[in-house]
Amino acid sequence: MKALKPVWILLALAYAASGIPADPASAQDTVSGPAASILEAVPVSNAPLGGFPYFALPDGYQPLNPPETRAFGHFLFWTGTALHEVEGKVFLSIIGTKDGKTYASYELKKNIEAVLTQAGGLKIADSRIPASLTETLPEDIRIGMYEGLGNVYNEPAQTWVIRRPDRQIWVHFVPGSNNAAWTILETKPFLQTAALLPAEQLKQDLDTTGKAVIQVNFATDRTEILPASAPQIDAVAGLLRTNPRGGLPRQPVGLDGAPRPQPLGAPCGETVPPPRIRRGCGNLRPHRHFRIRTFSTDGAKAWPRAAPAPHPGPTRPATTPTRTPRRSRSTP
């Protein structure tokens, strides 16, 4: 049987957000815990709104850096007692002044509060977030969204909610002493765009391009593969069943698909259960090719390498020759 070409399998990690329902379509429609009672207290607003992000800054104020818009993301909003995670379309920006205007925190705060109230928003929190909670902020928010997070470590944070008939608009606003920051999030369900790649398509891609790309979803901060990714693993197992000579080399690759010469970081552990990969594959034990590690912070991932066998070294004689005792020099 003809052996398959060398393969690179890129595993894109999608982390399951904690506190969000398992069904993506109902993620924003079903809210449990304290946030549910908060939303019940927010009246539904039909006030006319423009396009996202809906709100303009007052005269004399502008984003200090180009604002960032993400088609889908998440943010942790302060409810006054806890941090509540919300998913959807995200806008974030640092707010400063322009045209030589002097920054005035109170003036900016009054303007923002007025426009949010006009849109039907309700302020559900306006206080300092305890340090015990800010320390738990994930890195992708603490660092990756710092422009919209603001100085939550030293300044009070406001949270506003606008409840529309078909969605919610959450606003995080932190007016600081020298500048301000805000994050605007419009809820929307997660739309999966990744598709399953069957074994036949895998083989076709391997024969054509010499590589195949699959996606495997992991649970947050765990090496547990989510059930939704089981068909992908089964497809690879089926490919190995029908092509027993098609081994998968352990070539490290990055998020861009480029080969990485060196493994990076420590392994996150064995993630693919051997029984699933062994299923129907006889004694091939191809699961050894599927020991997966997560991506490192620079976008690369490391694959496990077998430790080289220790060199036996030179053979020593069974007995050590006795050394002739040294003569002492006599004094004449």
Protein backbone atom coordinates (compact mmCIF):
# COMPACT_ATOMS: atom_id res chain seq x y z
CA MET A 1 0.00 0.00 0.00
CA LYS A 2 1.29 3.42 -0.90
CA ALA A 3 2.43 5.41 2.12
CA LEU A 4 0.94 8.81 2.70
CA LYS A 5 2.99 11.94 2.34
CA PRO A 6 4.38 13.62 5.47
CA VAL A 7 1.62 15.33 7.39
CA TRP A 8 1.36 18.44 9.48
CA ILE A 9 -1.74 18.56 11.64
CA LEU A 10 -2.48 21.97 13.10
CA LEU A 11 -4.66 21.88 16.16
CA ALA A 12 -6.41 25.20 16.75
CA LEU A 13 -7.52 25.54 20.35
CA ALA A 14 -10.91 26.99 21.15
CA TYR A 15 -11.41 27.51 24.86
CA ALA A 16 -14.82 26.98 26.37
CA ALA A 17 -15.80 30.10 28.27
CA SER A 18 -16.58 29.43 31.89
CA GLY A 19 -20.06 30.32 33.03
CA ILE A 20 -21.53 30.28 29.50
CA PRO A 21 -24.20 27.69 28.65
CA ALA A 22 -23.07 24.77 26.52
CA ASP A 23 -25.52 25.57 23.72
CA PRO A 24 -23.99 28.51 21.79
CA ALA A 25 -27.31 29.57 20.31
CA SER A 26 -28.80 30.17 23.75
CA ALA A 27 -25.68 31.56 25.40
CA GLN A 28 -27.07 35.08 25.71
CA ASP A 29 -30.72 34.18 26.07
CA THR A 30 -30.25 32.06 29.18
CA VAL A 31 -28.61 33.92 32.06
CA SER A 32 -28.40 32.28 35.45
CA GLY A 33 -27.20 33.36 38.88
CA PRO A 34 -27.19 36.93 40.19
CA ALA A 35 -27.00 38.38 36.67
CA ALA A 36 -30.46 36.99 35.91
CA SER A 37 -32.09 39.08 38.62
CA ILE A 38 -30.13 42.12 37.45
CA LEU A 39 -31.42 41.77 33.89
CA GLU A 40 -34.97 41.36 35.13
CA ALA A 41 -34.69 44.79 36.73
CA VAL A 42 -33.58 46.40 33.44
CA PRO A 43 -36.58 47.58 31.37
CA VAL A 44 -36.66 46.75 27.67
CA SER A 45 -35.67 49.79 25.61
CA ASN A 46 -36.81 50.63 22.08
CA ALA A 47 -34.95 53.93 21.91
CA PRO A 48 -33.58 54.56 18.39
CA LEU A 49 -29.93 53.65 18.00
CA GLY A 50 -27.49 54.10 15.17
CA GLY A 51 -24.80 51.66 14.15
CA PHE A 52 -22.47 49.82 16.50
CA PRO A 53 -20.90 50.97 18.87
CA TYR A 54 -23.91 53.32 19.08
CA PHE A 55 -22.43 56.12 21.23
CA ALA A 56 -20.33 59.14 20.26
CA LEU A 57 -17.94 60.91 22.62
CA PRO A 58 -18.69 64.48 23.74
CA ASP A 59 -17.04 67.48 22.10
CA GLY A 60 -13.33 67.77 22.84
CA TYR A 61 -12.83 64.04 23.49
CA GLN A 62 -11.51 61.31 21.23
CA PRO A 63 -9.92 57.86 21.36
CA LEU A 64 -6.24 58.17 22.26
CA ASN A 65 -5.41 55.16 20.10
CA PRO A 66 -7.34 53.71 17.18
CA PRO A 67 -10.32 51.94 18.79
CA GLU A 68 -10.60 48.19 18.35
CA THR A 69 -13.69 46.28 17.24
CA ARG A 70 -13.91 42.49 17.47
CA ALA A 71 -16.61 40.60 15.61
CA PHE A 72 -16.86 38.13 18.48
CA GLY A 73 -15.24 38.22 21.90
CA HIS A 74 -15.99 38.31 25.60
CA PHE A 75 -15.60 40.60 28.60
CA LEU A 76 -16.08 40.34 32.36
CA PHE A 77 -18.46 43.01 33.63
CA TRP A 78 -18.60 44.16 37.26
CA THR A 79 -22.09 43.72 38.71
CA GLY A 80 -21.31 45.23 42.11
CA THR A 81 -20.81 41.82 43.71
CA ALA A 82 -19.14 39.64 41.07
CA LEU A 83 -17.69 39.55 37.57
CA HIS A 84 -20.16 38.41 34.91
CA GLU A 85 -18.92 37.11 31.56
CA VAL A 86 -20.73 38.18 28.40
CA GLU A 87 -20.01 37.21 24.78
CA GLY A 88 -20.69 39.12 21.59
CA LYS A 89 -19.41 41.92 19.37
CA VAL A 90 -16.88 44.06 21.26
CA PHE A 91 -15.68 47.66 20.97
CA LEU A 92 -12.95 49.01 23.27
CA SER A 93 -11.05 52.28 23.49
CA ILE A 94 -9.02 54.64 25.69
CA ILE A 95 -10.63 58.08 25.88
CA GLY A 96 -8.59 61.30 25.90
CA THR A 97 -8.91 64.91 24.76
CA LYS A 98 -8.21 66.76 21.51
CA ASP A 99 -7.67 70.31 20.25
CA GLY A 100 -5.90 71.35 23.45
CA LYS A 101 -8.91 70.67 25.66
CA THR A 102 -8.21 70.02 29.33
CA TYR A 103 -9.35 66.60 30.48
CA ALA A 104 -12.15 66.73 33.04
CA SER A 105 -13.21 63.40 34.49
CA TYR A 106 -16.46 64.73 35.94
CA GLU A 107 -17.52 66.36 32.67
CA LEU A 108 -16.83 63.21 30.67
CA LYS A 109 -18.66 61.05 33.20
CA LYS A 110 -21.77 63.25 33.13
CA ASN A 111 -21.87 63.11 29.31
CA ILE A 112 -21.47 59.34 29.13
CA GLU A 113 -24.10 58.78 31.81
CA ALA A 114 -26.54 61.09 30.00
CA VAL A 115 -26.22 59.38 26.61
CA LEU A 116 -26.50 55.89 28.13
CA THR A 117 -29.58 56.87 30.11
CA GLN A 118 -31.09 58.36 26.94
CA ALA A 119 -30.59 54.99 25.20
CA GLY A 120 -32.54 53.24 27.97
CA GLY A 121 -29.54 52.00 29.91
CA LEU A 122 -29.50 51.20 33.61
CA LYS A 123 -26.38 51.60 35.73
CA ILE A 124 -26.02 48.39 37.74
CA ALA A 125 -22.60 49.08 39.30
CA ASP A 126 -20.40 52.07 40.16
CA SER A 127 -17.66 51.07 42.59
CA ARG A 128 -14.15 49.73 42.95
CA ILE A 129 -13.67 46.10 41.95
CA PRO A 130 -12.04 44.25 44.87
CA ALA A 131 -8.42 43.25 44.35
CA SER A 132 -9.36 39.65 45.03
CA LEU A 133 -11.41 39.76 41.80
CA THR A 134 -9.13 41.86 39.60
CA GLU A 135 -6.39 39.33 40.31
CA THR A 136 -8.57 36.66 38.71
CA LEU A 137 -8.99 38.52 35.41
CA PRO A 138 -7.77 36.29 32.58
CA GLU A 139 -4.73 37.39 30.63
CA ASP A 140 -6.64 37.97 27.41
CA ILE A 141 -8.68 40.66 29.20
CA ARG A 142 -6.06 41.98 31.62
CA ILE A 143 -3.46 42.44 28.86
CA GLY A 144 -5.19 41.84 25.55
CA MET A 145 -8.04 44.28 26.31
CA TYR A 146 -6.27 46.73 28.61
CA GLU A 147 -7.34 49.72 26.49
CA GLY A 148 -10.99 48.97 27.22
CA LEU A 149 -10.39 47.71 30.75
CA GLY A 150 -9.00 50.94 32.19
CA ASN A 151 -7.45 51.44 35.60
CA VAL A 152 -9.83 49.12 37.45
CA TYR A 153 -7.16 48.59 40.09
CA ASN A 154 -7.41 52.17 41.43
CA GLU A 155 -10.58 53.71 39.97
CA PRO A 156 -14.31 52.88 40.29
CA ALA A 157 -15.83 50.95 37.39
CA GLN A 158 -19.31 51.63 36.03
CA THR A 159 -21.41 48.94 34.36
CA TRP A 160 -24.46 49.81 32.28
CA VAL A 161 -26.95 47.46 30.64
CA ILE A 162 -29.31 48.34 27.79
CA ARG A 163 -31.88 45.64 27.27
CA ARG A 164 -33.22 45.50 23.73
CA PRO A 165 -36.02 43.16 22.58
CA ASP A 166 -33.54 40.90 20.76
CA ARG A 167 -30.21 41.53 22.52
CA GLN A 168 -28.37 43.29 25.33
CA ILE A 169 -25.78 46.07 25.21
CA TRP A 170 -23.28 46.06 28.08
CA VAL A 171 -21.02 49.04 28.77
CA HIS A 172 -17.95 49.04 31.01
CA PHE A 173 -16.78 52.61 31.75
CA VAL A 174 -13.87 53.69 33.94
CA PRO A 175 -13.32 57.47 34.21
CA GLY A 176 -9.77 57.98 35.46
CA SER A 177 -7.95 61.09 36.61
CA ASN A 178 -6.00 61.56 33.34
CA ASN A 179 -8.01 59.56 30.81
CA ALA A 180 -10.88 57.10 30.65
CA ALA A 181 -11.61 53.71 29.13
CA TRP A 182 -14.70 51.92 28.01
CA THR A 183 -15.81 48.62 26.50
CA ILE A 184 -19.11 48.27 24.64
CA LEU A 185 -20.40 44.75 24.01
CA GLU A 186 -23.47 43.75 22.04
CA THR A 187 -24.55 40.21 22.82
CA LYS A 188 -24.87 37.70 20.03
CA PRO A 189 -24.66 33.89 19.89
CA PHE A 190 -21.48 32.16 18.82
CA LEU A 191 -21.55 31.06 15.18
CA GLN A 192 -19.35 28.05 14.49
CA THR A 193 -17.50 28.33 11.18
CA ALA A 194 -15.15 25.35 11.58
CA ALA A 195 -16.38 22.22 9.80
CA LEU A 196 -15.60 18.56 10.32
CA LEU A 197 -13.09 17.02 7.97
CA PRO A 198 -13.98 13.37 7.16
CA ALA A 199 -11.34 10.71 6.65
CA GLU A 200 -11.80 10.75 2.86
CA GLN A 201 -11.22 14.50 2.72
CA LEU A 202 -8.20 14.15 5.00
CA LYS A 203 -6.61 11.65 2.63
CA GLN A 204 -7.40 13.79 -0.41
CA ASP A 205 -5.76 16.81 1.21
CA LEU A 206 -2.72 14.75 2.18
CA ASP A 207 -2.32 13.36 -1.33
CA THR A 208 -2.75 16.81 -2.88
CA THR A 209 -0.89 19.19 -0.57
CA GLY A 210 0.94 16.90 1.86
CA LYS A 211 -0.79 18.36 4.90
CA ALA A 212 -4.18 18.57 6.56
CA VAL A 213 -5.65 20.98 9.09
CA ILE A 214 -8.12 19.98 11.79
CA GLN A 215 -9.51 21.79 14.80
CA VAL A 216 -9.76 20.30 18.27
CA ASN A 217 -11.59 22.14 21.05
CA PHE A 218 -10.30 21.96 24.61
CA ALA A 219 -11.97 22.82 27.91
CA THR A 220 -10.76 25.95 29.69
CA ASP A 221 -7.45 25.45 31.53
CA ARG A 222 -7.72 21.66 31.14
CA THR A 223 -6.35 19.12 28.70
CA GLU A 224 -9.81 17.61 28.24
CA ILE A 225 -11.01 17.45 24.64
CA LEU A 226 -14.61 18.56 24.31
CA PRO A 227 -17.14 16.03 22.97
CA ALA A 228 -17.79 18.17 19.88
CA SER A 229 -14.28 17.35 18.64
CA ALA A 230 -14.71 13.57 18.90
CA PRO A 231 -15.70 13.23 15.19
CA GLN A 232 -12.42 14.89 14.18
CA ILE A 233 -10.43 12.41 16.24
CA ASP A 234 -12.52 9.56 14.81
CA ALA A 235 -11.78 10.78 11.29
CA VAL A 236 -8.04 10.62 11.91
CA ALA A 237 -8.45 7.15 13.43
CA GLY A 238 -10.39 6.06 10.35
CA LEU A 239 -7.65 7.40 8.11
CA LEU A 240 -5.04 5.39 10.00
CA ARG A 241 -7.26 2.30 9.82
CA THR A 242 -7.49 2.40 6.04
CA ASN A 243 -3.89 3.58 5.55
CA PRO A 244 -1.84 1.72 8.16
CA ARG A 245 1.46 2.86 6.66
CA GLY A 246 0.53 6.51 6.75
CA GLY A 247 2.30 7.57 9.92
CA LEU A 248 2.03 11.11 11.23
CA PRO A 249 5.42 12.75 11.88
CA ARG A 250 5.82 14.89 14.98
CA GLN A 251 6.81 18.05 13.17
CA PRO A 252 6.15 21.11 15.36
CA VAL A 253 4.14 23.79 13.56
CA GLY A 254 2.90 27.22 14.57
CA LEU A 255 -0.44 28.95 14.15
CA ASP A 256 0.75 30.15 10.73
CA GLY A 257 1.51 26.57 9.65
CA ALA A 258 5.26 27.19 9.47
CA PRO A 259 7.53 24.42 10.79
CA ARG A 260 9.13 25.05 14.17
CA PRO A 261 12.61 23.60 14.62
CA GLN A 262 12.50 23.29 18.39
CA PRO A 263 9.81 22.16 20.83
CA LEU A 264 8.66 24.89 23.16
CA GLY A 265 7.48 24.77 26.74
CA ALA A 266 6.35 21.94 28.94
CA PRO A 267 3.59 19.56 27.82
CA CYS A 268 0.07 20.16 28.98
CA GLY A 269 -0.35 16.41 29.26
CA GLU A 270 -1.81 13.54 27.30
CA THR A 271 -5.01 14.88 25.78
CA VAL A 272 -6.26 12.25 23.37
CA PRO A 273 -7.36 9.05 25.18
CA PRO A 274 -5.54 6.10 23.58
CA PRO A 275 -8.70 3.90 23.38
CA ARG A 276 -10.35 6.36 21.02
CA ILE A 277 -7.41 6.43 18.65
CA ARG A 278 -6.73 2.69 18.98
CA ARG A 279 -10.32 1.81 18.19
CA GLY A 280 -10.38 -0.50 15.19
CA CYS A 281 -6.70 -0.02 14.44
CA GLY A 282 -5.45 -3.41 15.66
CA ASN A 283 -1.90 -3.43 16.95
CA LEU A 284 -0.79 -0.32 15.07
CA ARG A 285 -1.09 1.80 18.21
CA PRO A 286 -1.17 5.01 16.10
CA HIS A 287 -2.23 6.95 19.16
CA ARG A 288 1.46 7.56 19.79
CA HIS A 289 1.32 10.10 16.99
CA PHE A 290 -1.43 12.08 18.72
CA ARG A 291 0.16 13.25 21.93
CA ILE A 292 -0.95 16.85 21.73
CA ARG A 293 0.36 19.97 23.36
CA THR A 294 -1.24 23.37 23.40
CA PHE A 295 0.14 26.46 21.69
CA SER A 296 2.78 28.48 23.50
CA THR A 297 2.41 32.23 23.95
CA ASP A 298 4.32 33.06 20.75
CA GLY A 299 1.97 31.04 18.57
CA ALA A 300 4.03 27.86 18.32
CA LYS A 301 3.29 24.46 19.71
CA ALA A 302 5.63 21.77 20.86
CA TRP A 303 5.24 18.11 20.08
CA PRO A 304 6.66 15.44 22.37
CA ARG A 305 9.92 13.90 21.34
CA ALA A 306 11.15 10.55 22.50
CA ALA A 307 14.03 10.85 24.94
CA PRO A 308 17.25 9.44 23.40
CA ALA A 309 18.50 6.21 24.89
CA PRO A 310 21.46 6.75 27.20
CA HIS A 311 24.80 5.91 25.63
CA PRO A 312 26.24 2.79 27.24
CA GLY A 313 29.76 4.27 27.31
CA PRO A 314 33.02 2.37 27.11
CA THR A 315 33.09 -1.14 28.49
CA ARG A 316 35.05 -1.37 31.71
CA PRO A 317 37.00 -4.46 32.70
CA ALA A 318 35.34 -6.71 35.24
CA THR A 319 38.20 -6.31 37.70
CA THR A 320 40.22 -3.22 38.45
CA PRO A 321 43.99 -3.83 38.33
CA THR A 322 45.75 -3.31 41.62
CA ARG A 323 48.09 -0.36 41.81
CA THR A 324 51.70 -0.88 42.88
CA PRO A 325 52.29 0.83 46.21
CA ARG A 326 54.57 3.82 45.97
CA ARG A 327 57.99 3.40 47.54
CA SER A 328 58.91 5.79 50.25
CA ARG A 329 62.14 7.69 49.78
CA SER A 330 64.60 6.87 52.56
CA THR A 331 66.71 9.55 54.08
CA PRO A 332 70.48 8.90 53.71
